[in-house]
Protein backbone atom coordinates (compact mmCIF):
# COMPACT_ATOMS: atom_id res chain seq x y z
CA GLN A 1 93.43 102.05 69.97
CA VAL A 2 92.39 104.23 72.99
CA GLN A 3 92.91 107.97 72.67
CA LEU A 4 93.27 110.27 75.50
CA VAL A 5 93.17 114.05 74.83
CA GLU A 6 94.15 116.63 77.39
CA SER A 7 93.30 120.12 77.60
CA GLY A 8 93.26 123.04 80.01
CA GLY A 9 96.95 123.72 80.39
CA GLY A 10 98.49 127.15 80.23
CA LEU A 11 100.35 129.93 81.99
CA VAL A 12 99.25 130.98 85.42
CA GLN A 13 100.77 133.01 88.24
CA ALA A 14 101.81 131.44 91.56
CA GLY A 15 98.73 131.02 93.73
CA GLY A 16 96.35 130.60 90.86
CA SER A 17 94.32 127.74 89.67
CA LEU A 18 93.83 125.64 86.50
CA THR A 19 91.70 122.65 85.64
CA LEU A 20 92.91 120.02 83.34
CA SER A 21 90.49 117.76 81.42
CA CYS A 22 91.18 114.35 79.71
CA VAL A 23 88.60 112.98 77.33
CA ALA A 24 88.82 109.31 76.33
CA SER A 25 87.80 107.87 72.92
CA GLU A 26 85.76 105.22 74.64
CA SER A 27 83.82 104.62 77.88
CA ILE A 28 86.16 105.12 80.83
CA ILE A 29 83.92 102.70 82.80
CA SER A 30 86.17 100.06 81.13
CA PHE A 31 89.39 101.35 82.78
CA TYR A 32 90.36 100.12 86.17
CA ARG A 33 91.99 103.49 86.91
CA MET A 34 92.70 106.82 85.35
CA GLY A 35 95.19 109.40 86.47
CA TRP A 36 97.55 112.18 85.94
CA TYR A 37 101.31 112.13 85.72
CA ARG A 38 103.68 115.16 85.21
CA GLN A 39 107.14 115.54 83.96
CA ALA A 40 109.25 118.63 84.56
CA PRO A 41 112.31 119.47 82.49
CA GLY A 42 115.23 117.22 83.54
CA LYS A 43 113.16 115.20 85.86
CA GLN A 44 111.51 111.79 85.80
CA ARG A 45 107.73 111.48 85.21
CA GLU A 46 105.90 111.26 88.48
CA LEU A 47 102.39 110.40 89.61
CA VAL A 48 100.26 113.29 90.54
CA ALA A 49 96.76 111.80 91.12
CA ARG A 50 94.79 108.90 90.08
CA ILE A 51 91.17 107.60 90.51
CA THR A 52 89.75 104.13 90.39
CA SER A 53 86.63 103.01 88.58
CA ASP A 54 84.71 103.22 91.92
CA GLY A 55 85.81 106.79 92.48
CA THR A 56 88.51 106.22 95.04
CA PRO A 57 91.27 108.94 94.64
CA ASP A 58 95.00 108.80 95.36
CA TYR A 59 97.35 111.79 95.52
CA ALA A 60 101.05 112.42 95.53
CA ASP A 61 102.02 114.09 98.80
CA SER A 62 103.24 117.10 96.96
CA VAL A 63 99.73 117.90 95.64
CA LYS A 64 97.50 116.57 98.42
CA ASP A 65 95.11 119.34 99.67
CA ARG A 66 95.73 121.39 96.55
CA TYR A 67 94.60 119.14 93.75
CA ILE A 68 91.38 117.31 93.25
CA ILE A 69 90.86 114.50 90.72
CA SER A 70 87.36 113.63 89.54
CA ARG A 71 85.72 111.55 86.84
CA ASP A 72 82.60 112.00 84.77
CA ASN A 73 81.67 108.67 83.35
CA ALA A 74 78.88 109.98 81.13
CA LYS A 75 81.29 112.38 79.46
CA ASN A 76 84.21 109.91 79.42
CA THR A 77 86.23 112.58 81.20
CA VAL A 78 88.70 112.85 83.98
CA ASN A 79 89.44 116.26 85.49
CA LEU A 80 92.22 117.60 87.59
CA GLN A 81 91.55 120.79 89.53
CA MET A 82 94.71 122.47 90.68
CA ASP A 83 94.80 125.11 93.24
CA SER A 84 97.43 127.22 94.95
CA LEU A 85 99.78 126.51 92.09
CA ALA A 86 103.51 127.04 92.68
CA PRO A 87 106.42 127.30 90.24
CA GLU A 88 107.39 123.76 91.15
CA ASP A 89 104.14 122.55 89.63
CA THR A 90 105.39 123.54 86.24
CA ALA A 91 105.50 120.45 84.05
CA VAL A 92 103.92 118.63 81.21
CA TYR A 93 100.90 116.95 82.56
CA TYR A 94 99.85 113.58 80.99
CA CYS A 95 96.56 111.73 81.35
CA THR A 96 96.81 107.96 81.72
CA ALA A 97 94.27 105.08 81.71
CA GLU A 98 94.88 101.62 82.94
CA ARG A 99 92.89 98.63 81.80
CA ARG A 100 93.21 95.21 83.51
CA THR A 101 92.20 92.10 81.75
CA ALA A 102 94.54 89.08 81.58
CA TYR A 103 97.28 91.70 81.63
CA ILE A 104 97.68 95.37 82.35
CA GLN A 105 97.40 97.94 79.55
CA ASN A 106 98.41 101.51 80.01
CA TYR A 107 97.39 104.29 77.68
CA TRP A 108 98.83 107.89 77.66
CA GLY A 109 97.74 111.12 76.25
CA GLN A 110 100.06 113.57 74.46
CA GLY A 111 100.39 115.88 77.48
CA THR A 112 99.49 119.44 78.16
CA GLN A 113 101.92 122.14 79.40
CA VAL A 114 101.30 123.93 82.74
CA THR A 115 103.64 126.82 83.54
CA VAL A 116 103.41 128.62 86.84
CA SER A 117 105.25 131.95 87.08
CA SER A 118 106.56 133.33 90.26
């Protein structure tokens, strides 16, 4: 079973920055795509950013130009650099990995809390 472990969440003031990391229990080269989702209280989980195995990123409009997703295949890690944070970015952030074989398998981390104070 694939394990994804997130870290780097915390409390930050508006305008500040945080970098989240997600370490996979196996080589991330085997995943078609990895990404980050978030879920704020009372809201649905939403896509934040994702990156394919060839390094192509994709961002939600709400974080474009503020967040950068990157991957380090040697360290089996996907990072999310978050700048210019705002209170509306407050949420639990989840790492996800997608594997495509004969069917699609999705794996999720346990989440890390990001709280942005005004």
